[in-house]
C-alpha atoms as a PDB file:
ATOM      1  CA  UNK A   1     160.750 151.007 151.734  1.00  0.00           C
ATOM      2  CA  UNK A   2     164.201 151.975 149.434  1.00  0.00           C
ATOM      3  CA  UNK A   3     166.296 148.882 148.448  1.00  0.00           C
ATOM      4  CA  UNK A   4     169.983 148.545 149.018  1.00  0.00           C
ATOM      5  CA  UNK A   5     170.540 147.484 146.181  1.00  0.00           C
ATOM      6  CA  UNK A   6     169.628 149.725 144.425  1.00  0.00           C
ATOM      7  CA  UNK A   7     171.537 152.176 146.615  1.00  0.00           C
ATOM      8  CA  UNK A   8     174.402 149.849 145.526  1.00  0.00           C
ATOM      9  CA  UNK A   9     173.309 150.704 142.120  1.00  0.00           C
ATOM     10  CA  UNK A  10     172.910 154.344 142.257  1.00  0.00           C
ATOM     11  CA  UNK A  11     176.550 154.757 143.822  1.00  0.00           C
ATOM     12  CA  UNK A  12     178.502 152.612 141.287  1.00  0.00           C
ATOM     13  CA  UNK A  13     176.476 154.794 138.679  1.00  0.00           C
ATOM     14  CA  UNK A  14     177.804 157.672 139.955  1.00  0.00           C
ATOM     15  CA  UNK A  15     181.391 156.599 140.044  1.00  0.00           C
ATOM     16  CA  UNK A  16     181.594 155.146 136.848  1.00  0.00           C
ATOM     17  CA  UNK A  17     179.061 157.941 135.096  1.00  0.00           C
ATOM     18  CA  UNK A  18     178.516 155.180 132.436  1.00  0.00           C
ATOM     19  CA  UNK A  19     175.281 152.969 132.541  1.00  0.00           C
ATOM     20  CA  UNK A  20     176.606 150.130 130.694  1.00  0.00           C
ATOM     21  CA  UNK A  21     179.708 150.199 132.594  1.00  0.00           C
ATOM     22  CA  UNK A  22     178.364 150.579 136.118  1.00  0.00           C
ATOM     23  CA  UNK A  23     175.296 147.592 134.912  1.00  0.00           C
ATOM     24  CA  UNK A  24     178.450 145.537 134.411  1.00  0.00           C
ATOM     25  CA  UNK A  25     180.151 146.106 137.788  1.00  0.00           C
ATOM     26  CA  UNK A  26     177.490 145.514 139.574  1.00  0.00           C
ATOM     27  CA  UNK A  27     177.155 142.356 137.430  1.00  0.00           C
ATOM     28  CA  UNK A  28     173.098 142.590 135.979  1.00  0.00           C
ATOM     29  CA  UNK A  29     172.673 143.720 132.567  1.00  0.00           C
ATOM     30  CA  UNK A  30     171.725 147.238 131.570  1.00  0.00           C
ATOM     31  CA  UNK A  31     168.131 147.174 130.527  1.00  0.00           C
ATOM     32  CA  UNK A  32     167.436 146.015 134.088  1.00  0.00           C
ATOM     33  CA  UNK A  33     169.951 148.371 135.770  1.00  0.00           C
ATOM     34  CA  UNK A  34     168.139 151.280 134.061  1.00  0.00           C
ATOM     35  CA  UNK A  35     164.466 149.968 135.413  1.00  0.00           C
ATOM     36  CA  UNK A  36     165.929 149.834 138.731  1.00  0.00           C
ATOM     37  CA  UNK A  37     167.040 153.388 138.383  1.00  0.00           C
ATOM     38  CA  UNK A  38     163.916 154.417 137.134  1.00  0.00           C
ATOM     39  CA  UNK A  39     162.151 152.785 139.935  1.00  0.00           C
ATOM     40  CA  UNK A  40     164.153 154.210 142.539  1.00  0.00           C
ATOM     41  CA  UNK A  41     163.205 157.765 140.890  1.00  0.00           C
ATOM     42  CA  UNK A  42     160.113 156.611 141.250  1.00  0.00           C
ATOM     43  CA  UNK A  43     159.764 155.973 144.571  1.00  0.00           C
ATOM     44  CA  UNK A  44     161.103 158.792 146.024  1.00  0.00           C
ATOM     45  CA  UNK A  45     159.438 160.815 143.176  1.00  0.00           C
ATOM     46  CA  UNK A  46     162.488 163.248 142.438  1.00  0.00           C
ATOM     47  CA  UNK A  47     164.686 162.854 139.053  1.00  0.00           C
ATOM     48  CA  UNK A  48     167.695 161.596 139.947  1.00  0.00           C
ATOM     49  CA  UNK A  49     170.137 161.517 136.942  1.00  0.00           C
ATOM     50  CA  UNK A  50     169.621 163.611 134.156  1.00  0.00           C
ATOM     51  CA  UNK A  51     169.644 161.847 130.816  1.00  0.00           C
ATOM     52  CA  UNK A  52     169.555 162.375 127.296  1.00  0.00           C
ATOM     53  CA  UNK A  53     171.655 159.913 124.542  1.00  0.00           C
ATOM     54  CA  UNK A  54     173.919 159.379 127.474  1.00  0.00           C
ATOM     55  CA  UNK A  55     174.336 159.016 131.712  1.00  0.00           C
ATOM     56  CA  UNK A  56     175.031 163.328 131.387  1.00  0.00           C
ATOM     57  CA  UNK A  57     175.170 163.286 135.301  1.00  0.00           C
ATOM     58  CA  UNK A  58     173.464 164.038 138.212  1.00  0.00           C
ATOM     59  CA  UNK A  59     170.831 166.141 139.472  1.00  0.00           C
ATOM     60  CA  UNK A  60     170.628 167.885 142.572  1.00  0.00           C
ATOM     61  CA  UNK A  61     168.855 166.133 144.090  1.00  0.00           C
ATOM     62  CA  UNK A  62     170.305 162.568 142.813  1.00  0.00           C
ATOM     63  CA  UNK A  63     173.499 164.092 144.321  1.00  0.00           C
ATOM     64  CA  UNK A  64     172.102 164.880 148.018  1.00  0.00           C
ATOM     65  CA  UNK A  65     171.116 160.930 147.766  1.00  0.00           C
ATOM     66  CA  UNK A  66     174.262 159.761 146.276  1.00  0.00           C
ATOM     67  CA  UNK A  67     176.129 161.402 149.424  1.00  0.00           C
ATOM     68  CA  UNK A  68     173.754 159.908 151.529  1.00  0.00           C
ATOM     69  CA  UNK A  69     173.563 156.360 150.267  1.00  0.00           C
ATOM     70  CA  UNK A  70     177.546 156.144 150.876  1.00  0.00           C
ATOM     71  CA  UNK A  71     177.110 156.828 153.918  1.00  0.00           C
ATOM     72  CA  UNK A  72     173.892 154.438 153.998  1.00  0.00           C
ATOM     73  CA  UNK A  73     176.162 151.409 152.682  1.00  0.00           C
ATOM     74  CA  UNK A  74     179.368 152.543 154.952  1.00  0.00           C
ATOM     75  CA  UNK A  75     177.126 152.003 157.959  1.00  0.00           C
ATOM     76  CA  UNK A  76     175.678 148.693 157.101  1.00  0.00           C
ATOM     77  CA  UNK A  77     179.294 147.756 155.991  1.00  0.00           C
ATOM     78  CA  UNK A  78     180.478 148.969 159.633  1.00  0.00           C
ATOM     79  CA  UNK A  79     177.637 146.518 160.898  1.00  0.00           C
ATOM     80  CA  UNK A  80     178.832 143.232 159.013  1.00  0.00           C
ATOM     81  CA  UNK A  81     181.864 144.106 160.605  1.00  0.00           C
ATOM     82  CA  UNK A  82     181.385 144.864 163.887  1.00  0.00           C
ATOM     83  CA  UNK A  83     178.840 142.167 163.901  1.00  0.00           C
ATOM     84  CA  UNK A  84     181.810 140.063 163.042  1.00  0.00           C
ATOM     85  CA  UNK A  85     185.054 141.483 165.524  1.00  0.00           C
ATOM     86  CA  UNK A  86     181.866 140.949 168.175  1.00  0.00           C
ATOM     87  CA  UNK A  87     182.924 137.405 167.093  1.00  0.00           C
ATOM     88  CA  UNK A  88     186.476 137.558 167.503  1.00  0.00           C
ATOM     89  CA  UNK A  89     187.410 138.024 164.325  1.00  0.00           C
ATOM     90  CA  UNK A  90     187.784 141.477 162.418  1.00  0.00           C
ATOM     91  CA  UNK A  91     186.851 140.813 158.255  1.00  0.00           C
ATOM     92  CA  UNK A  92     185.822 141.938 155.732  1.00  0.00           C
ATOM     93  CA  UNK A  93     187.634 144.116 152.308  1.00  0.00           C
ATOM     94  CA  UNK A  94     189.705 146.980 152.964  1.00  0.00           C
ATOM     95  CA  UNK A  95     190.357 149.312 149.565  1.00  0.00           C
ATOM     96  CA  UNK A  96     193.577 151.238 149.463  1.00  0.00           C
ATOM     97  CA  UNK A  97     194.162 153.947 147.020  1.00  0.00           C
ATOM     98  CA  UNK A  98     198.261 153.884 146.417  1.00  0.00           C
ATOM     99  CA  UNK A  99     200.773 156.338 144.888  1.00  0.00           C
ATOM    100  CA  UNK A 100     202.562 154.075 141.684  1.00  0.00           C
ATOM    101  CA  UNK A 101     206.120 154.866 144.084  1.00  0.00           C
ATOM    102  CA  UNK A 102     204.302 153.714 147.746  1.00  0.00           C
ATOM    103  CA  UNK A 103     203.118 149.951 145.550  1.00  0.00           C
ATOM    104  CA  UNK A 104     205.919 147.742 147.271  1.00  0.00           C
ATOM    105  CA  UNK A 105     205.904 149.401 150.720  1.00  0.00           C
ATOM    106  CA  UNK A 106     201.941 148.834 150.774  1.00  0.00           C
ATOM    107  CA  UNK A 107     203.023 145.128 149.639  1.00  0.00           C
ATOM    108  CA  UNK A 108     204.765 144.543 152.377  1.00  0.00           C
ATOM    109  CA  UNK A 109     202.008 146.684 154.270  1.00  0.00           C
ATOM    110  CA  UNK A 110     199.454 144.380 153.436  1.00  0.00           C
ATOM    111  CA  UNK A 111     201.512 140.962 154.565  1.00  0.00           C
ATOM    112  CA  UNK A 112     201.705 142.104 158.134  1.00  0.00           C
ATOM    113  CA  UNK A 113     197.767 143.109 158.233  1.00  0.00           C
ATOM    114  CA  UNK A 114     197.336 139.429 156.814  1.00  0.00           C
ATOM    115  CA  UNK A 115     199.850 137.911 159.918  1.00  0.00           C
ATOM    116  CA  UNK A 116     197.258 140.162 162.016  1.00  0.00           C
ATOM    117  CA  UNK A 117     194.342 139.439 160.753  1.00  0.00           C
ATOM    118  CA  UNK A 118     193.549 137.478 158.227  1.00  0.00           C
ATOM    119  CA  UNK A 119     190.493 137.246 157.038  1.00  0.00           C
ATOM    120  CA  UNK A 120     191.039 141.155 155.841  1.00  0.00           C
ATOM    121  CA  UNK A 121     191.283 141.100 151.993  1.00  0.00           C
ATOM    122  CA  UNK A 122     192.593 143.894 150.702  1.00  0.00           C
ATOM    123  CA  UNK A 123     192.643 145.577 147.558  1.00  0.00           C
ATOM    124  CA  UNK A 124     195.530 147.486 146.169  1.00  0.00           C
ATOM    125  CA  UNK A 125     193.767 150.172 143.305  1.00  0.00           C
ATOM    126  CA  UNK A 126     197.083 151.967 142.281  1.00  0.00           C
ATOM    127  CA  UNK A 127     196.050 156.099 141.622  1.00  0.00           C
ATOM    128  CA  UNK A 128     197.546 159.418 141.597  1.00  0.00           C
ATOM    129  CA  UNK A 129     197.560 161.466 144.326  1.00  0.00           C
ATOM    130  CA  UNK A 130     194.717 163.955 143.427  1.00  0.00           C
ATOM    131  CA  UNK A 131     192.607 160.704 142.928  1.00  0.00           C
ATOM    132  CA  UNK A 132     193.154 158.877 146.219  1.00  0.00           C
ATOM    133  CA  UNK A 133     191.833 162.854 147.858  1.00  0.00           C
ATOM    134  CA  UNK A 134     189.112 163.047 145.903  1.00  0.00           C
ATOM    135  CA  UNK A 135     188.134 158.781 146.048  1.00  0.00           C
ATOM    136  CA  UNK A 136     188.806 159.311 150.016  1.00  0.00           C
ATOM    137  CA  UNK A 137     186.152 162.547 150.368  1.00  0.00           C
ATOM    138  CA  UNK A 138     183.687 160.508 148.046  1.00  0.00           C
ATOM    139  CA  UNK A 139     184.335 157.417 150.101  1.00  0.00           C
ATOM    140  CA  UNK A 140     185.175 155.194 147.091  1.00  0.00           C
ATOM    141  CA  UNK A 141     188.414 153.798 149.470  1.00  0.00           C
ATOM    142  CA  UNK A 142     188.953 153.699 152.535  1.00  0.00           C
ATOM    143  CA  UNK A 143     192.933 154.755 152.752  1.00  0.00           C
ATOM    144  CA  UNK A 144     195.563 155.665 150.870  1.00  0.00           C
ATOM    145  CA  UNK A 145     198.965 155.751 151.002  1.00  0.00           C
ATOM    146  CA  UNK A 146     200.022 159.032 149.048  1.00  0.00           C
ATOM    147  CA  UNK A 147     202.148 162.479 150.148  1.00  0.00           C
ATOM    148  CA  UNK A 148     202.132 163.482 153.243  1.00  0.00           C
ATOM    149  CA  UNK A 149     202.483 167.368 151.649  1.00  0.00           C
ATOM    150  CA  UNK A 150     199.351 165.853 149.656  1.00  0.00           C
ATOM    151  CA  UNK A 151     196.807 165.531 151.600  1.00  0.00           C
ATOM    152  CA  UNK A 152     195.289 167.747 154.286  1.00  0.00           C
ATOM    153  CA  UNK A 153     194.282 166.525 157.920  1.00  0.00           C
ATOM    154  CA  UNK A 154     190.841 168.370 158.063  1.00  0.00           C
ATOM    155  CA  UNK A 155     189.039 165.170 159.138  1.00  0.00           C
ATOM    156  CA  UNK A 156     190.754 162.754 158.176  1.00  0.00           C
ATOM    157  CA  UNK A 157     193.799 161.038 159.977  1.00  0.00           C
ATOM    158  CA  UNK A 158     196.850 160.859 158.395  1.00  0.00           C
ATOM    159  CA  UNK A 159     199.528 158.972 159.780  1.00  0.00           C
ATOM    160  CA  UNK A 160     203.234 159.378 158.830  1.00  0.00           C
ATOM    161  CA  UNK A 161     204.742 155.719 157.177  1.00  0.00           C
ATOM    162  CA  UNK A 162     208.194 156.315 156.224  1.00  0.00           C
ATOM    163  CA  UNK A 163     210.021 159.522 154.004  1.00  0.00           C
ATOM    164  CA  UNK A 164     210.570 158.614 149.729  1.00  0.00           C
ATOM    165  CA  UNK A 165     214.005 158.972 148.579  1.00  0.00           C
ATOM    166  CA  UNK A 166     215.210 158.433 145.003  1.00  0.00           C
ATOM    167  CA  UNK A 167     218.068 156.732 142.845  1.00  0.00           C
ATOM    168  CA  UNK A 168     219.231 156.398 139.786  1.00  0.00           C
ATOM    169  CA  UNK A 169     218.288 152.834 137.619  1.00  0.00           C
ATOM    170  CA  UNK A 170     220.462 152.825 134.508  1.00  0.00           C
ATOM    171  CA  UNK A 171     221.205 150.216 132.497  1.00  0.00           C
ATOM    172  CA  UNK A 172     225.134 149.109 132.434  1.00  0.00           C
ATOM    173  CA  UNK A 173     226.814 150.412 129.166  1.00  0.00           C
ATOM    174  CA  UNK A 174     225.602 153.732 130.354  1.00  0.00           C
ATOM    175  CA  UNK A 175     227.587 153.913 133.067  1.00  0.00           C
ATOM    176  CA  UNK A 176     230.740 153.776 135.088  1.00  0.00           C
ATOM    177  CA  UNK A 177     230.334 156.149 137.249  1.00  0.00           C
ATOM    178  CA  UNK A 178     230.524 154.740 141.203  1.00  0.00           C
ATOM    179  CA  UNK A 179     228.691 156.602 144.346  1.00  0.00           C
ATOM    180  CA  UNK A 180     225.690 158.563 144.664  1.00  0.00           C
ATOM    181  CA  UNK A 181     224.964 160.917 141.466  1.00  0.00           C
ATOM    182  CA  UNK A 182     224.677 164.336 141.074  1.00  0.00           C
ATOM    183  CA  UNK A 183     220.615 165.684 139.656  1.00  0.00           C
ATOM    184  CA  UNK A 184     223.048 167.533 137.376  1.00  0.00           C
ATOM    185  CA  UNK A 185     224.326 164.375 136.577  1.00  0.00           C
ATOM    186  CA  UNK A 186     221.177 161.974 136.659  1.00  0.00           C
ATOM    187  CA  UNK A 187     219.658 164.396 133.556  1.00  0.00           C
ATOM    188  CA  UNK A 188     221.975 163.697 131.666  1.00  0.00           C
ATOM    189  CA  UNK A 189     220.875 160.833 130.648  1.00  0.00           C
ATOM    190  CA  UNK A 190     218.046 159.572 127.887  1.00  0.00           C
ATOM    191  CA  UNK A 191     215.487 159.210 131.285  1.00  0.00           C
ATOM    192  CA  UNK A 192     211.405 157.312 131.240  1.00  0.00           C
ATOM    193  CA  UNK A 193     209.315 158.985 133.687  1.00  0.00           C
ATOM    194  CA  UNK A 194     205.718 158.832 135.255  1.00  0.00           C
ATOM    195  CA  UNK A 195     203.603 160.735 133.452  1.00  0.00           C
ATOM    196  CA  UNK A 196     203.738 164.790 133.677  1.00  0.00           C
ATOM    197  CA  UNK A 197     199.981 164.520 135.764  1.00  0.00           C
ATOM    198  CA  UNK A 198     201.498 162.282 138.285  1.00  0.00           C
ATOM    199  CA  UNK A 199     202.605 163.466 141.637  1.00  0.00           C
ATOM    200  CA  UNK A 200     206.099 162.158 141.790  1.00  0.00           C
ATOM    201  CA  UNK A 201     206.875 163.417 138.363  1.00  0.00           C
ATOM    202  CA  UNK A 202     205.758 166.556 139.328  1.00  0.00           C
ATOM    203  CA  UNK A 203     208.739 166.037 142.042  1.00  0.00           C
ATOM    204  CA  UNK A 204     211.170 165.925 139.633  1.00  0.00           C
ATOM    205  CA  UNK A 205     210.409 168.541 137.546  1.00  0.00           C
ATOM    206  CA  UNK A 206     210.664 170.858 140.703  1.00  0.00           C
ATOM    207  CA  UNK A 207     213.804 169.211 141.134  1.00  0.00           C
ATOM    208  CA  UNK A 208     215.203 169.714 137.302  1.00  0.00           C
ATOM    209  CA  UNK A 209     212.942 173.215 137.556  1.00  0.00           C
ATOM    210  CA  UNK A 210     215.558 174.387 140.513  1.00  0.00           C
ATOM    211  CA  UNK A 211     218.610 173.540 139.436  1.00  0.00           C
ATOM    212  CA  UNK A 212     218.149 174.993 136.126  1.00  0.00           C
ATOM    213  CA  UNK A 213     218.200 171.272 134.338  1.00  0.00           C
ATOM    214  CA  UNK A 214     216.613 170.094 131.294  1.00  0.00           C
ATOM    215  CA  UNK A 215     215.845 166.652 131.781  1.00  0.00           C
ATOM    216  CA  UNK A 216     216.300 163.783 127.995  1.00  0.00           C
ATOM    217  CA  UNK A 217     212.691 162.258 128.814  1.00  0.00           C
ATOM    218  CA  UNK A 218     212.435 160.128 126.153  1.00  0.00           C
ATOM    219  CA  UNK A 219     209.712 158.260 127.585  1.00  0.00           C
ATOM    220  CA  UNK A 220     206.959 158.942 129.651  1.00  0.00           C
ATOM    221  CA  UNK A 221     204.453 155.658 131.345  1.00  0.00           C
ATOM    222  CA  UNK A 222     201.171 155.799 133.605  1.00  0.00           C
ATOM    223  CA  UNK A 223     203.435 152.668 136.162  1.00  0.00           C
ATOM    224  CA  UNK A 224     207.012 151.902 137.052  1.00  0.00           C
ATOM    225  CA  UNK A 225     207.759 148.753 135.129  1.00  0.00           C
ATOM    226  CA  UNK A 226     207.822 150.436 130.867  1.00  0.00           C
ATOM    227  CA  UNK A 227     210.762 151.976 132.638  1.00  0.00           C
ATOM    228  CA  UNK A 228     211.768 149.204 134.359  1.00  0.00           C
ATOM    229  CA  UNK A 229     212.087 146.774 131.298  1.00  0.00           C
ATOM    230  CA  UNK A 230     213.617 149.736 129.253  1.00  0.00           C
ATOM    231  CA  UNK A 231     216.143 150.083 131.774  1.00  0.00           C
ATOM    232  CA  UNK A 232     217.075 146.404 131.521  1.00  0.00           C
ATOM    233  CA  UNK A 233     216.704 146.033 127.762  1.00  0.00           C
ATOM    234  CA  UNK A 234     219.340 149.185 127.988  1.00  0.00           C
ATOM    235  CA  UNK A 235     217.422 151.714 125.852  1.00  0.00           C
ATOM    236  CA  UNK A 236     216.796 154.299 128.841  1.00  0.00           C
ATOM    237  CA  UNK A 237     217.798 154.960 132.138  1.00  0.00           C
ATOM    238  CA  UNK A 238     214.904 155.757 135.227  1.00  0.00           C
ATOM    239  CA  UNK A 239     214.669 157.808 138.627  1.00  0.00           C
ATOM    240  CA  UNK A 240     212.927 155.178 141.009  1.00  0.00           C
ATOM    241  CA  UNK A 241     211.847 155.545 144.954  1.00  0.00           C
ATOM    242  CA  UNK A 242     214.924 153.710 146.598  1.00  0.00           C
ATOM    243  CA  UNK A 243     212.217 152.268 148.589  1.00  0.00           C
ATOM    244  CA  UNK A 244     210.913 149.526 145.421  1.00  0.00           C
ATOM    245  CA  UNK A 245     214.222 149.223 144.220  1.00  0.00           C
ATOM    246  CA  UNK A 246     215.478 147.304 147.828  1.00  0.00           C
ATOM    247  CA  UNK A 247     212.006 145.271 147.495  1.00  0.00           C
ATOM    248  CA  UNK A 248     212.697 144.553 143.786  1.00  0.00           C
ATOM    249  CA  UNK A 249     216.424 142.988 144.670  1.00  0.00           C
ATOM    250  CA  UNK A 250     219.091 142.861 141.464  1.00  0.00           C
ATOM    251  CA  UNK A 251     218.326 143.963 137.933  1.00  0.00           C
ATOM    252  CA  UNK A 252     220.094 142.200 135.557  1.00  0.00           C
ATOM    253  CA  UNK A 253     221.801 144.126 133.068  1.00  0.00           C
ATOM    254  CA  UNK A 254     221.397 147.627 135.634  1.00  0.00           C
ATOM    255  CA  UNK A 255     223.096 149.515 138.097  1.00  0.00           C
ATOM    256  CA  UNK A 256     221.603 151.777 140.325  1.00  0.00           C
ATOM    257  CA  UNK A 257     222.683 154.530 142.158  1.00  0.00           C
ATOM    258  CA  UNK A 258     221.669 157.187 145.496  1.00  0.00           C
ATOM    259  CA  UNK A 259     221.357 161.080 144.285  1.00  0.00           C
ATOM    260  CA  UNK A 260     222.222 164.014 145.563  1.00  0.00           C
ATOM    261  CA  UNK A 261     223.138 167.982 144.845  1.00  0.00           C
ATOM    262  CA  UNK A 262     220.140 168.258 146.564  1.00  0.00           C
ATOM    263  CA  UNK A 263     219.326 165.503 148.956  1.00  0.00           C
ATOM    264  CA  UNK A 264     215.596 164.996 148.825  1.00  0.00           C
ATOM    265  CA  UNK A 265     213.285 163.464 150.331  1.00  0.00           C
ATOM    266  CA  UNK A 266     209.137 163.184 150.230  1.00  0.00           C
ATOM    267  CA  UNK A 267     207.184 161.994 152.908  1.00  0.00           C
ATOM    268  CA  UNK A 268     205.069 159.315 152.239  1.00  0.00           C
ATOM    269  CA  UNK A 269     201.636 158.634 154.314  1.00  0.00           C
ATOM    270  CA  UNK A 270     198.239 155.850 154.993  1.00  0.00           C
ATOM    271  CA  UNK A 271     195.264 158.670 155.281  1.00  0.00           C
ATOM    272  CA  UNK A 272     192.261 157.363 156.755  1.00  0.00           C
ATOM    273  CA  UNK A 273     188.810 159.012 156.642  1.00  0.00           C
ATOM    274  CA  UNK A 274     188.312 160.594 160.316  1.00  0.00           C
ATOM    275  CA  UNK A 275     184.660 157.840 161.501  1.00  0.00           C
ATOM    276  CA  UNK A 276     182.242 157.810 164.129  1.00  0.00           C
ATOM    277  CA  UNK A 277     182.285 154.780 164.765  1.00  0.00           C
ATOM    278  CA  UNK A 278     185.226 153.232 162.714  1.00  0.00           C
ATOM    279  CA  UNK A 279     185.116 150.745 160.187  1.00  0.00           C
ATOM    280  CA  UNK A 280     187.315 147.670 162.045  1.00  0.00           C
ATOM    281  CA  UNK A 281     189.124 147.250 159.147  1.00  0.00           C
ATOM    282  CA  UNK A 282     190.557 150.669 159.500  1.00  0.00           C
ATOM    283  CA  UNK A 283     191.418 150.555 162.737  1.00  0.00           C
ATOM    284  CA  UNK A 284     192.820 147.470 162.632  1.00  0.00           C
ATOM    285  CA  UNK A 285     195.325 148.741 159.392  1.00  0.00           C
ATOM    286  CA  UNK A 286     195.533 152.013 162.384  1.00  0.00           C
ATOM    287  CA  UNK A 287     196.112 149.649 164.784  1.00  0.00           C
ATOM    288  CA  UNK A 288     199.724 148.109 162.091  1.00  0.00           C
ATOM    289  CA  UNK A 289     200.543 151.212 160.448  1.00  0.00           C
ATOM    290  CA  UNK A 290     201.590 152.663 165.063  1.00  0.00           C
ATOM    291  CA  UNK A 291     203.816 149.961 165.065  1.00  0.00           C
ATOM    292  CA  UNK A 292     205.938 149.796 162.154  1.00  0.00           C
ATOM    293  CA  UNK A 293     206.844 153.203 163.955  1.00  0.00           C
END
């Protein structure tokens, strides 16, 4: 009989694509990890992993086994959660992939979920919109807080959350202007923005390109923290989601200006996979989101 632990190890290997990293994530030694994978291959009578001096990927049979293993582990997780739900409590870990611009909102959403179901533990992982789509489809995350126009509705349930709008956060000494600023004026500031592969940066690049603007980008970051520090230290301005700035409150040494001409907004949504039956934790999250509207 196949051990569920072996399936967990195999899915970890598929996720990390590296024996040592997968073994570390699973809390066992690499020799023991490799031995269990070989044991699973022997039990099934097929090669699961392409081997050389390093991990070379999964065989065709291995890919099929991983897909089935994820479904089995998902069903096991659902069974455990349903037993707890039958006792009147929803418990478990909920993994959310979140685009960086929506982290502040997701923190607020997590608070609402905790108030309704205090035994649900939410794990929030910042990642790109593309990564959210892939990891959601692969069953590596339970839901994604992402851009509504970057996720399809095929086999997914998509719930609108809010419209993302943008503001300029700039050092005080860089501007004495008041009121909304046109994007043309933003392009004149030295800017710290997210990296080019991030959806937020692609949105900003598109806005600038449509206006025929060439912004002065002096720094690129994988998250907003460095840009916030640079603005506070007087080194560069940045463009941020308005909801993030509102959640942080006043930042000493900076000014905040709404952006206009053009007025831009992007839909942020919660995307979860259609399951039958649903995981109780995911169903609980959907109910909380529905209550926000």
